[in-house]
Structure formats: structure tokens, C-alpha cells
Amino acid sequence: MADSRTSRRSASLRILGPALRALAWAAPPLAVRAAAALFRMPRRHQTSDAERQLLATGKRGRLRAGKNQIATWEWGEGPTMLLVHGWGSRGARLGSFVEPLVSSGYSVVTFDAPGHGESSGRLSSLPQFVEALRTIAQTRESIHGVVAHSIGSAAAALAMTRGLEAERVVFLAPAANPAAYTKYFAEALGIPSQIRVGMEQLFERQFGFRWEEFSVTQGVRSLTTPLLVFHDREDREVAWTDGESLARAWPGAELVTTQGLGHTKIVHDPEIVRQAVEFLVRQREAEVSA
């Protein structure tokens, strides 16, 4: 059974389904483009008071990533820790990590992905998340660590298979197989499989990714960066099996299974934050002690 946000999304898709099915019969190319645009349109959520207060303490910036201007925020000084939000979210969602990482001697950078938060655009995609990550990395001398949630984890993994370097990585409720999401989307809308395939082919042409690359577990088998994965058994948005399969595919990765945190509480849970920060700073503390 889906949570309320997933249920609202499914209800919206059921309403739009008949129109897209009719368009698929009358004008398949138009149906492909319409379905692709709907698939790429994240919901924008209002910023909470706590998130606004956090962002007000950061150094605000803007960077161009492809055709989009992305909003960035930075706190502290030292080696860079990069926070990556998930689909329909924003950089401040991972705000619980800012203070402990800054206190540990790091600079912390977060951003709103294209089509999210204060960044430009109405549409987004996993390749645009990857592009934003790589753009930010190019402005830094190096990236010490990455903390990523949900689809942000898939983006970070794909960016690393394409050259992004980090010393340590933490994934929270990671999505391991975004390639399957067009199938779920098409099933929710009840649109023909040829429209789904057309969407995938359109995305490949637009973004220069092969569709099979979005199956994250296939690409990470050669990575050696230390990875710690947290995933909750009761996650109703991204199944626990995604985190388990990703941890199993990534050499040397560790999986921590939680209970009762679901998909969103996991990013704020004090014990999760404590364990993640301890993991991220471990290598540097060892180097300083040596």
C-alpha cells in the first residue's frame, strides 16, 4: 500500500491516463512527447520553516548546468561534502547533515536539481541530476564525501561511473533500478508499451545515455569507493531490495537495515546521521592522527 504522496501521484496519473491513451491511438508521436514530459515533471513542495532557516545561514550561489541555472548553498570550510536530494525534493531536505559535518571540519554543499526548488526549469531527469553533480564537482578542488537520498543516490552512482571522484559515499534509501520507472509509469497510466518504448528512445536521444545504464547495479561493480547504505524495511517508495541489491553489487559496500523510518524519516533520524557522519569522517581522522 503506497503512502499518501504516492497515492496522490497515482490518482493524478489515473486521471490523465484516458487522455494519453486516446492520444496514443490518434497520434503516437505526440503521445510519446506528452508522456515523456509528464514523466519528467517533479512536484515542487513548499519549503518548511526549518529548511528556510537552514538555507538562510548558507552561502547562496548559482551555477549553469546544461540549459539550467541551479541554486546552490554552502556552509563551513575544509574538504567538500556534497548533499544530493531525491526526486521532487530539494537540497535542504538533507539539512540534518550540515551542522555535524561543518563541526567536523568540512565544507558542505547542497543544491536544488534542475526543475526542483529554486533552480530553473519545469522538467527534470536523472541525467540532469548527474550533470548538476558533475558541474558542482568541477568547481571544487576535490569531493571528499557524498550523502545522497533516493534518486539522488542513483545520480551519484551514475556520476561516479562517469568519472566523479569521492573518498566516501553514503546512500539513504537508494533507487537501484530507475530504468524500471517508465514501466511503472506506463502501467499507472494504462498506456501502450510502444509509447513507453518511444519515451525511452526519446530520452536516450536527448541525454546521450543508453537505457540499460539506468540500471545502477550494472555500472557500479567496478567502483572501489567505500559505501555505506541505509535502507528501511518499510520503505514504500523505494523498496528495501533496491538498497540491498546496490550494496551487494558495489564491492565492499555495507548495508544497514532500519525499521520504521520509511523513505523520508531516514534522512533526519539522529542515529542514522550520527553513523553516516562517523563513516564519512573516518578516513580523514585516521590521516590526521597519523
C-alpha atoms as a PDB file:
ATOM      1  CA  MET A   1       0.000   0.000   0.000  1.00  0.00           C
ATOM      2  CA  ALA A   2       1.504   3.359  -1.052  1.00  0.00           C
ATOM      3  CA  ASP A   3       1.848   6.353   1.246  1.00  0.00           C
ATOM      4  CA  SER A   4      -0.279   9.497   0.744  1.00  0.00           C
ATOM      5  CA  ARG A   5       2.147  11.210  -1.660  1.00  0.00           C
ATOM      6  CA  THR A   6       2.421   8.097  -3.845  1.00  0.00           C
ATOM      7  CA  SER A   7      -1.366   7.709  -3.742  1.00  0.00           C
ATOM      8  CA  ARG A   8      -1.895  11.308  -4.886  1.00  0.00           C
ATOM      9  CA  ARG A   9       0.577  10.791  -7.724  1.00  0.00           C
ATOM     10  CA  SER A  10      -1.170   7.570  -8.782  1.00  0.00           C
ATOM     11  CA  ALA A  11      -4.564   9.321  -8.695  1.00  0.00           C
ATOM     12  CA  SER A  12      -3.238  12.100 -10.938  1.00  0.00           C
ATOM     13  CA  LEU A  13      -1.911   9.551 -13.399  1.00  0.00           C
ATOM     14  CA  ARG A  14      -5.247   7.711 -13.486  1.00  0.00           C
ATOM     15  CA  ILE A  15      -6.997  10.959 -14.375  1.00  0.00           C
ATOM     16  CA  LEU A  16      -4.558  11.707 -17.206  1.00  0.00           C
ATOM     17  CA  GLY A  17      -4.445   8.114 -18.440  1.00  0.00           C
ATOM     18  CA  PRO A  18      -7.550   8.207 -20.672  1.00  0.00           C
ATOM     19  CA  ALA A  19      -6.389  11.353 -22.469  1.00  0.00           C
ATOM     20  CA  LEU A  20      -2.962   9.883 -23.154  1.00  0.00           C
ATOM     21  CA  ARG A  21      -4.448   6.569 -24.291  1.00  0.00           C
ATOM     22  CA  ALA A  22      -6.650   8.420 -26.759  1.00  0.00           C
ATOM     23  CA  LEU A  23      -3.671  10.417 -27.991  1.00  0.00           C
ATOM     24  CA  ALA A  24      -1.647   7.213 -28.353  1.00  0.00           C
ATOM     25  CA  TRP A  25      -4.303   5.891 -30.718  1.00  0.00           C
ATOM     26  CA  ALA A  26      -4.709   9.126 -32.706  1.00  0.00           C
ATOM     27  CA  ALA A  27      -1.130  10.477 -32.794  1.00  0.00           C
ATOM     28  CA  PRO A  28       1.528   8.180 -31.285  1.00  0.00           C
ATOM     29  CA  PRO A  29       4.475  10.619 -31.669  1.00  0.00           C
ATOM     30  CA  LEU A  30       2.545  13.316 -29.802  1.00  0.00           C
ATOM     31  CA  ALA A  31       1.612  10.774 -27.125  1.00  0.00           C
ATOM     32  CA  VAL A  32       5.276   9.882 -26.666  1.00  0.00           C
ATOM     33  CA  ARG A  33       6.260  13.520 -26.196  1.00  0.00           C
ATOM     34  CA  ALA A  34       3.356  14.231 -23.847  1.00  0.00           C
ATOM     35  CA  ALA A  35       4.037  11.154 -21.725  1.00  0.00           C
ATOM     36  CA  ALA A  36       7.759  11.946 -21.619  1.00  0.00           C
ATOM     37  CA  ALA A  37       7.062  15.489 -20.403  1.00  0.00           C
ATOM     38  CA  LEU A  38       4.692  14.234 -17.709  1.00  0.00           C
ATOM     39  CA  PHE A  39       7.247  11.647 -16.590  1.00  0.00           C
ATOM     40  CA  ARG A  40       9.894  14.369 -16.235  1.00  0.00           C
ATOM     41  CA  MET A  41       7.736  16.803 -14.237  1.00  0.00           C
ATOM     42  CA  PRO A  42       8.506  16.649 -10.499  1.00  0.00           C
ATOM     43  CA  ARG A  43       6.125  18.067  -7.949  1.00  0.00           C
ATOM     44  CA  ARG A  44       7.508  21.160  -6.199  1.00  0.00           C
ATOM     45  CA  HIS A  45       6.933  21.065  -2.459  1.00  0.00           C
ATOM     46  CA  GLN A  46       6.813  24.094  -0.212  1.00  0.00           C
ATOM     47  CA  THR A  47       9.916  24.771   1.843  1.00  0.00           C
ATOM     48  CA  SER A  48       9.414  24.217   5.570  1.00  0.00           C
ATOM     49  CA  ASP A  49      10.293  26.871   8.138  1.00  0.00           C
ATOM     50  CA  ALA A  50      13.226  24.761   9.328  1.00  0.00           C
ATOM     51  CA  GLU A  51      14.538  24.421   5.766  1.00  0.00           C
ATOM     52  CA  ARG A  52      14.230  28.162   5.128  1.00  0.00           C
ATOM     53  CA  GLN A  53      16.120  28.906   8.337  1.00  0.00           C
ATOM     54  CA  LEU A  54      18.885  26.499   7.345  1.00  0.00           C
ATOM     55  CA  LEU A  55      19.235  27.912   3.832  1.00  0.00           C
ATOM     56  CA  ALA A  56      19.404  31.450   5.232  1.00  0.00           C
ATOM     57  CA  THR A  57      22.621  30.506   7.063  1.00  0.00           C
ATOM     58  CA  GLY A  58      24.350  29.209   3.918  1.00  0.00           C
ATOM     59  CA  LYS A  59      26.298  30.990   1.224  1.00  0.00           C
ATOM     60  CA  ARG A  60      23.956  31.093  -1.760  1.00  0.00           C
ATOM     61  CA  GLY A  61      25.197  30.626  -5.322  1.00  0.00           C
ATOM     62  CA  ARG A  62      24.091  29.873  -8.893  1.00  0.00           C
ATOM     63  CA  LEU A  63      25.712  27.580 -11.442  1.00  0.00           C
ATOM     64  CA  ARG A  64      24.817  26.755 -15.018  1.00  0.00           C
ATOM     65  CA  ALA A  65      24.368  23.041 -15.658  1.00  0.00           C
ATOM     66  CA  GLY A  66      23.467  22.499 -19.282  1.00  0.00           C
ATOM     67  CA  LYS A  67      20.422  24.654 -20.030  1.00  0.00           C
ATOM     68  CA  ASN A  68      19.547  25.181 -16.377  1.00  0.00           C
ATOM     69  CA  GLN A  69      20.604  27.511 -13.614  1.00  0.00           C
ATOM     70  CA  ILE A  70      20.930  25.528 -10.394  1.00  0.00           C
ATOM     71  CA  ALA A  71      20.708  27.054  -6.933  1.00  0.00           C
ATOM     72  CA  THR A  72      23.480  26.073  -4.517  1.00  0.00           C
ATOM     73  CA  TRP A  73      24.248  26.638  -0.826  1.00  0.00           C
ATOM     74  CA  GLU A  74      27.485  26.182   1.092  1.00  0.00           C
ATOM     75  CA  TRP A  75      28.453  26.094   4.764  1.00  0.00           C
ATOM     76  CA  GLY A  76      31.798  25.799   6.553  1.00  0.00           C
ATOM     77  CA  GLU A  77      35.366  25.370   5.381  1.00  0.00           C
ATOM     78  CA  GLY A  78      37.530  22.380   4.560  1.00  0.00           C
ATOM     79  CA  PRO A  79      37.187  19.343   2.278  1.00  0.00           C
ATOM     80  CA  THR A  80      33.873  19.244   0.430  1.00  0.00           C
ATOM     81  CA  MET A  81      30.892  17.116   1.392  1.00  0.00           C
ATOM     82  CA  LEU A  82      28.134  17.091  -1.227  1.00  0.00           C
ATOM     83  CA  LEU A  83      24.470  16.520  -0.314  1.00  0.00           C
ATOM     84  CA  VAL A  84      22.154  15.213  -3.064  1.00  0.00           C
ATOM     85  CA  HIS A  85      18.364  15.194  -2.699  1.00  0.00           C
ATOM     86  CA  GLY A  86      15.837  12.910  -4.365  1.00  0.00           C
ATOM     87  CA  TRP A  87      13.034  13.342  -6.900  1.00  0.00           C
ATOM     88  CA  GLY A  88      10.515  16.041  -6.064  1.00  0.00           C
ATOM     89  CA  SER A  89      12.632  17.184  -3.121  1.00  0.00           C
ATOM     90  CA  ARG A  90      15.311  19.863  -2.633  1.00  0.00           C
ATOM     91  CA  GLY A  91      18.784  20.307  -1.208  1.00  0.00           C
ATOM     92  CA  ALA A  92      17.590  21.437   2.225  1.00  0.00           C
ATOM     93  CA  ARG A  93      15.974  18.009   2.771  1.00  0.00           C
ATOM     94  CA  LEU A  94      19.399  16.722   3.893  1.00  0.00           C
ATOM     95  CA  GLY A  95      19.924  19.644   6.241  1.00  0.00           C
ATOM     96  CA  SER A  96      20.414  17.414   9.289  1.00  0.00           C
ATOM     97  CA  PHE A  97      23.890  16.617   7.973  1.00  0.00           C
ATOM     98  CA  VAL A  98      25.083  20.216   7.711  1.00  0.00           C
ATOM     99  CA  GLU A  99      25.924  21.044  11.335  1.00  0.00           C
ATOM    100  CA  PRO A 100      27.703  17.784  12.258  1.00  0.00           C
ATOM    101  CA  LEU A 101      29.795  17.841   9.086  1.00  0.00           C
ATOM    102  CA  VAL A 102      30.729  21.520   9.445  1.00  0.00           C
ATOM    103  CA  SER A 103      31.627  20.865  13.096  1.00  0.00           C
ATOM    104  CA  SER A 104      33.882  18.050  11.909  1.00  0.00           C
ATOM    105  CA  GLY A 105      35.882  20.439   9.722  1.00  0.00           C
ATOM    106  CA  TYR A 106      34.211  20.131   6.329  1.00  0.00           C
ATOM    107  CA  SER A 107      32.533  22.457   3.890  1.00  0.00           C
ATOM    108  CA  VAL A 108      29.058  21.239   2.952  1.00  0.00           C
ATOM    109  CA  VAL A 109      27.471  21.955  -0.426  1.00  0.00           C
ATOM    110  CA  THR A 110      23.915  21.209  -1.453  1.00  0.00           C
ATOM    111  CA  PHE A 111      21.798  22.224  -4.443  1.00  0.00           C
ATOM    112  CA  ASP A 112      18.349  22.071  -5.985  1.00  0.00           C
ATOM    113  CA  ALA A 113      18.389  19.866  -9.061  1.00  0.00           C
ATOM    114  CA  PRO A 114      17.011  21.214 -12.367  1.00  0.00           C
ATOM    115  CA  GLY A 115      13.247  21.528 -12.169  1.00  0.00           C
ATOM    116  CA  HIS A 116      13.360  21.476  -8.360  1.00  0.00           C
ATOM    117  CA  GLY A 117      13.247  24.102  -5.627  1.00  0.00           C
ATOM    118  CA  GLU A 118      14.880  27.382  -6.636  1.00  0.00           C
ATOM    119  CA  SER A 119      16.618  26.007  -9.729  1.00  0.00           C
ATOM    120  CA  SER A 120      15.306  26.815 -13.194  1.00  0.00           C
ATOM    121  CA  GLY A 121      13.214  24.632 -15.437  1.00  0.00           C
ATOM    122  CA  ARG A 122       9.970  22.746 -15.055  1.00  0.00           C
ATOM    123  CA  LEU A 123      11.205  19.370 -16.244  1.00  0.00           C
ATOM    124  CA  SER A 124      13.951  17.222 -14.789  1.00  0.00           C
ATOM    125  CA  SER A 125      15.569  13.832 -15.289  1.00  0.00           C
ATOM    126  CA  LEU A 126      18.189  11.528 -13.865  1.00  0.00           C
ATOM    127  CA  PRO A 127      20.770  12.649 -16.484  1.00  0.00           C
ATOM    128  CA  GLN A 128      20.187  16.265 -15.424  1.00  0.00           C
ATOM    129  CA  PHE A 129      20.835  15.300 -11.803  1.00  0.00           C
ATOM    130  CA  VAL A 130      24.100  13.715 -12.974  1.00  0.00           C
ATOM    131  CA  GLU A 131      25.027  16.812 -14.971  1.00  0.00           C
ATOM    132  CA  ALA A 132      24.380  19.053 -11.959  1.00  0.00           C
ATOM    133  CA  LEU A 133      26.560  16.845  -9.758  1.00  0.00           C
ATOM    134  CA  ARG A 134      29.427  16.887 -12.220  1.00  0.00           C
ATOM    135  CA  THR A 135      29.109  20.663 -12.693  1.00  0.00           C
ATOM    136  CA  ILE A 136      29.421  21.259  -8.952  1.00  0.00           C
ATOM    137  CA  ALA A 137      32.353  18.848  -8.690  1.00  0.00           C
ATOM    138  CA  GLN A 138      34.202  20.811 -11.366  1.00  0.00           C
ATOM    139  CA  THR A 139      34.078  23.913  -9.157  1.00  0.00           C
ATOM    140  CA  ARG A 140      35.777  22.128  -6.257  1.00  0.00           C
ATOM    141  CA  GLU A 141      39.360  21.009  -5.844  1.00  0.00           C
ATOM    142  CA  SER A 142      38.013  17.600  -4.820  1.00  0.00           C
ATOM    143  CA  ILE A 143      34.946  15.931  -3.311  1.00  0.00           C
ATOM    144  CA  HIS A 144      35.644  14.160  -0.041  1.00  0.00           C
ATOM    145  CA  GLY A 145      32.202  12.679   0.523  1.00  0.00           C
ATOM    146  CA  VAL A 146      28.696  12.372  -0.878  1.00  0.00           C
ATOM    147  CA  VAL A 147      25.432  11.900   1.013  1.00  0.00           C
ATOM    148  CA  ALA A 148      22.543  11.127  -1.320  1.00  0.00           C
ATOM    149  CA  HIS A 149      18.900  10.156  -0.932  1.00  0.00           C
ATOM    150  CA  SER A 150      16.648   8.080  -3.195  1.00  0.00           C
ATOM    151  CA  ILE A 151      17.070   9.019  -6.884  1.00  0.00           C
ATOM    152  CA  GLY A 152      19.924  11.285  -5.785  1.00  0.00           C
ATOM    153  CA  SER A 153      21.807   8.108  -4.893  1.00  0.00           C
ATOM    154  CA  ALA A 154      21.280   6.722  -8.386  1.00  0.00           C
ATOM    155  CA  ALA A 155      22.520  10.032  -9.818  1.00  0.00           C
ATOM    156  CA  ALA A 156      25.621   9.976  -7.623  1.00  0.00           C
ATOM    157  CA  ALA A 157      26.368   6.381  -8.582  1.00  0.00           C
ATOM    158  CA  LEU A 158      25.992   7.143 -12.305  1.00  0.00           C
ATOM    159  CA  ALA A 159      28.154  10.259 -11.960  1.00  0.00           C
ATOM    160  CA  MET A 160      30.855   8.141 -10.321  1.00  0.00           C
ATOM    161  CA  THR A 161      30.759   5.605 -13.147  1.00  0.00           C
ATOM    162  CA  ARG A 162      31.341   8.618 -15.429  1.00  0.00           C
ATOM    163  CA  GLY A 163      34.359   9.984 -13.598  1.00  0.00           C
ATOM    164  CA  LEU A 164      33.131  11.782 -10.461  1.00  0.00           C
ATOM    165  CA  GLU A 165      35.581  11.006  -7.656  1.00  0.00           C
ATOM    166  CA  ALA A 166      34.813  10.936  -3.934  1.00  0.00           C
ATOM    167  CA  GLU A 167      36.593   9.445  -0.939  1.00  0.00           C
ATOM    168  CA  ARG A 168      33.478   8.099   0.817  1.00  0.00           C
ATOM    169  CA  VAL A 169      29.791   7.787  -0.010  1.00  0.00           C
ATOM    170  CA  VAL A 170      26.573   7.355   1.983  1.00  0.00           C
ATOM    171  CA  PHE A 171      23.306   6.397   0.286  1.00  0.00           C
ATOM    172  CA  LEU A 172      19.934   6.730   2.029  1.00  0.00           C
ATOM    173  CA  ALA A 173      17.091   4.646   0.574  1.00  0.00           C
ATOM    174  CA  PRO A 174      18.823   4.438  -2.820  1.00  0.00           C
ATOM    175  CA  ALA A 175      16.988   3.662  -6.050  1.00  0.00           C
ATOM    176  CA  ALA A 176      18.918   0.894  -7.770  1.00  0.00           C
ATOM    177  CA  ASN A 177      16.926   0.498 -10.975  1.00  0.00           C
ATOM    178  CA  PRO A 178      15.439   3.772 -12.265  1.00  0.00           C
ATOM    179  CA  ALA A 179      15.239   2.127 -15.692  1.00  0.00           C
ATOM    180  CA  ALA A 180      12.135   0.305 -14.434  1.00  0.00           C
ATOM    181  CA  TYR A 181      10.299   3.521 -13.551  1.00  0.00           C
ATOM    182  CA  THR A 182       8.980   4.098 -17.072  1.00  0.00           C
ATOM    183  CA  LYS A 183       7.337   0.672 -16.839  1.00  0.00           C
ATOM    184  CA  TYR A 184       5.608   1.570 -13.558  1.00  0.00           C
ATOM    185  CA  PHE A 185       4.619   4.926 -15.042  1.00  0.00           C
ATOM    186  CA  ALA A 186       3.132   3.334 -18.164  1.00  0.00           C
ATOM    187  CA  GLU A 187       1.235   0.783 -16.092  1.00  0.00           C
ATOM    188  CA  ALA A 188      -0.216   3.517 -13.849  1.00  0.00           C
ATOM    189  CA  LEU A 189      -1.410   5.435 -16.924  1.00  0.00           C
ATOM    190  CA  GLY A 190      -2.530   2.342 -18.803  1.00  0.00           C
ATOM    191  CA  ILE A 191      -0.708   3.482 -21.943  1.00  0.00           C
ATOM    192  CA  PRO A 192       0.528   1.036 -24.606  1.00  0.00           C
ATOM    193  CA  SER A 193       4.002  -0.453 -24.317  1.00  0.00           C
ATOM    194  CA  GLN A 194       5.039   1.158 -27.619  1.00  0.00           C
ATOM    195  CA  ILE A 195       4.528   4.598 -26.054  1.00  0.00           C
ATOM    196  CA  ARG A 196       6.758   3.599 -23.132  1.00  0.00           C
ATOM    197  CA  VAL A 197       9.436   2.322 -25.508  1.00  0.00           C
ATOM    198  CA  GLY A 198       9.150   5.534 -27.513  1.00  0.00           C
ATOM    199  CA  MET A 199       9.687   7.540 -24.300  1.00  0.00           C
ATOM    200  CA  GLU A 200      12.839   5.572 -23.506  1.00  0.00           C
ATOM    201  CA  GLN A 201      14.193   6.067 -27.021  1.00  0.00           C
ATOM    202  CA  LEU A 202      13.427   9.792 -26.805  1.00  0.00           C
ATOM    203  CA  PHE A 203      15.331  10.061 -23.511  1.00  0.00           C
ATOM    204  CA  GLU A 204      18.297   8.235 -24.999  1.00  0.00           C
ATOM    205  CA  ARG A 205      18.460  10.707 -27.876  1.00  0.00           C
ATOM    206  CA  GLN A 206      18.002  13.727 -25.612  1.00  0.00           C
ATOM    207  CA  PHE A 207      20.551  12.831 -22.957  1.00  0.00           C
ATOM    208  CA  GLY A 208      23.104  10.521 -24.568  1.00  0.00           C
ATOM    209  CA  PHE A 209      22.531   7.647 -22.132  1.00  0.00           C
ATOM    210  CA  ARG A 210      21.780   4.075 -23.126  1.00  0.00           C
ATOM    211  CA  TRP A 211      18.646   2.913 -21.324  1.00  0.00           C
ATOM    212  CA  GLU A 212      20.414  -0.027 -19.693  1.00  0.00           C
ATOM    213  CA  GLU A 213      22.791   2.428 -17.981  1.00  0.00           C
ATOM    214  CA  PHE A 214      19.940   3.445 -15.701  1.00  0.00           C
ATOM    215  CA  SER A 215      20.122   0.027 -14.071  1.00  0.00           C
ATOM    216  CA  VAL A 216      22.593   1.298 -11.488  1.00  0.00           C
ATOM    217  CA  THR A 217      23.713  -2.079 -10.177  1.00  0.00           C
ATOM    218  CA  GLN A 218      25.234  -2.964 -13.546  1.00  0.00           C
ATOM    219  CA  GLY A 219      27.589   0.009 -13.582  1.00  0.00           C
ATOM    220  CA  VAL A 220      28.900   0.102 -10.011  1.00  0.00           C
ATOM    221  CA  ARG A 221      30.634  -3.269  -9.926  1.00  0.00           C
ATOM    222  CA  SER A 222      33.982  -1.679 -10.800  1.00  0.00           C
ATOM    223  CA  LEU A 223      33.777   1.077  -8.157  1.00  0.00           C
ATOM    224  CA  THR A 224      36.012   0.830  -5.099  1.00  0.00           C
ATOM    225  CA  THR A 225      34.948   3.907  -3.109  1.00  0.00           C
ATOM    226  CA  PRO A 226      33.794   2.928   0.413  1.00  0.00           C
ATOM    227  CA  LEU A 227      29.987   2.977   0.502  1.00  0.00           C
ATOM    228  CA  LEU A 228      27.549   2.814   3.417  1.00  0.00           C
ATOM    229  CA  VAL A 229      23.879   2.196   2.552  1.00  0.00           C
ATOM    230  CA  PHE A 230      20.922   2.781   4.866  1.00  0.00           C
ATOM    231  CA  HIS A 231      17.528   1.432   3.832  1.00  0.00           C
ATOM    232  CA  ASP A 232      14.324   0.826   5.749  1.00  0.00           C
ATOM    233  CA  ARG A 233      12.330  -2.387   5.523  1.00  0.00           C
ATOM    234  CA  GLU A 234       9.103  -0.360   5.495  1.00  0.00           C
ATOM    235  CA  ASP A 235      10.110   1.998   2.671  1.00  0.00           C
ATOM    236  CA  ARG A 236       7.005   2.267   0.477  1.00  0.00           C
ATOM    237  CA  GLU A 237       8.543   4.438  -2.233  1.00  0.00           C
ATOM    238  CA  VAL A 238      11.818   2.649  -2.957  1.00  0.00           C
ATOM    239  CA  ALA A 239      11.864  -0.988  -1.890  1.00  0.00           C
ATOM    240  CA  TRP A 240      14.453  -2.227   0.606  1.00  0.00           C
ATOM    241  CA  THR A 241      15.575  -4.712  -2.049  1.00  0.00           C
ATOM    242  CA  ASP A 242      16.945  -1.773  -4.080  1.00  0.00           C
ATOM    243  CA  GLY A 243      19.349  -0.856  -1.287  1.00  0.00           C
ATOM    244  CA  GLU A 244      20.240  -4.491  -0.721  1.00  0.00           C
ATOM    245  CA  SER A 245      20.985  -5.168  -4.402  1.00  0.00           C
ATOM    246  CA  LEU A 246      23.028  -1.985  -4.764  1.00  0.00           C
ATOM    247  CA  ALA A 247      25.101  -2.786  -1.675  1.00  0.00           C
ATOM    248  CA  ARG A 248      25.659  -6.304  -2.977  1.00  0.00           C
ATOM    249  CA  ALA A 249      26.786  -5.068  -6.413  1.00  0.00           C
ATOM    250  CA  TRP A 250      29.148  -2.363  -5.076  1.00  0.00           C
ATOM    251  CA  PRO A 251      32.425  -4.011  -3.958  1.00  0.00           C
ATOM    252  CA  GLY A 252      32.963  -3.705  -0.212  1.00  0.00           C
ATOM    253  CA  ALA A 253      29.734  -1.786   0.463  1.00  0.00           C
ATOM    254  CA  GLU A 254      27.968  -2.099   3.829  1.00  0.00           C
ATOM    255  CA  LEU A 255      24.187  -2.214   4.239  1.00  0.00           C
ATOM    256  CA  VAL A 256      22.428  -1.051   7.414  1.00  0.00           C
ATOM    257  CA  THR A 257      18.767  -2.074   7.547  1.00  0.00           C
ATOM    258  CA  THR A 258      16.379   0.052   9.624  1.00  0.00           C
ATOM    259  CA  GLN A 259      12.799  -0.495  10.735  1.00  0.00           C
ATOM    260  CA  GLY A 260      10.023   2.080  10.966  1.00  0.00           C
ATOM    261  CA  LEU A 261      11.737   5.061   9.305  1.00  0.00           C
ATOM    262  CA  GLY A 262      10.237   4.646   5.851  1.00  0.00           C
ATOM    263  CA  HIS A 263      11.528   6.669   2.928  1.00  0.00           C
ATOM    264  CA  THR A 264      11.707  10.175   4.378  1.00  0.00           C
ATOM    265  CA  LYS A 265      12.332   9.948   8.127  1.00  0.00           C
ATOM    266  CA  ILE A 266      15.578   8.126   7.390  1.00  0.00           C
ATOM    267  CA  VAL A 267      17.245  11.382   6.277  1.00  0.00           C
ATOM    268  CA  HIS A 268      16.685  13.066   9.645  1.00  0.00           C
ATOM    269  CA  ASP A 269      16.987  10.223  12.131  1.00  0.00           C
ATOM    270  CA  PRO A 270      19.680  11.239  14.667  1.00  0.00           C
ATOM    271  CA  GLU A 271      21.224   7.779  14.864  1.00  0.00           C
ATOM    272  CA  ILE A 272      21.414   7.457  11.068  1.00  0.00           C
ATOM    273  CA  VAL A 273      23.014  10.897  10.818  1.00  0.00           C
ATOM    274  CA  ARG A 274      25.499  10.024  13.568  1.00  0.00           C
ATOM    275  CA  GLN A 275      26.548   6.747  11.939  1.00  0.00           C
ATOM    276  CA  ALA A 276      26.775   8.327   8.485  1.00  0.00           C
ATOM    277  CA  VAL A 277      28.917  11.255   9.662  1.00  0.00           C
ATOM    278  CA  GLU A 278      31.169   8.921  11.614  1.00  0.00           C
ATOM    279  CA  PHE A 279      31.682   6.853   8.457  1.00  0.00           C
ATOM    280  CA  LEU A 280      32.330   9.913   6.280  1.00  0.00           C
ATOM    281  CA  VAL A 281      34.956  11.476   8.553  1.00  0.00           C
ATOM    282  CA  ARG A 282      36.715   8.239   9.494  1.00  0.00           C
ATOM    283  CA  GLN A 283      39.394   8.321   6.810  1.00  0.00           C
ATOM    284  CA  ARG A 284      40.374  11.940   7.397  1.00  0.00           C
ATOM    285  CA  GLU A 285      40.583  11.431  11.162  1.00  0.00           C
ATOM    286  CA  ALA A 286      42.906   8.485  10.584  1.00  0.00           C
ATOM    287  CA  GLU A 287      45.105  10.601   8.286  1.00  0.00           C
ATOM    288  CA  VAL A 288      45.257  13.456  10.813  1.00  0.00           C
ATOM    289  CA  SER A 289      46.156  11.051  13.628  1.00  0.00           C
ATOM    290  CA  ALA A 290      48.930   9.543  11.507  1.00  0.00           C
END
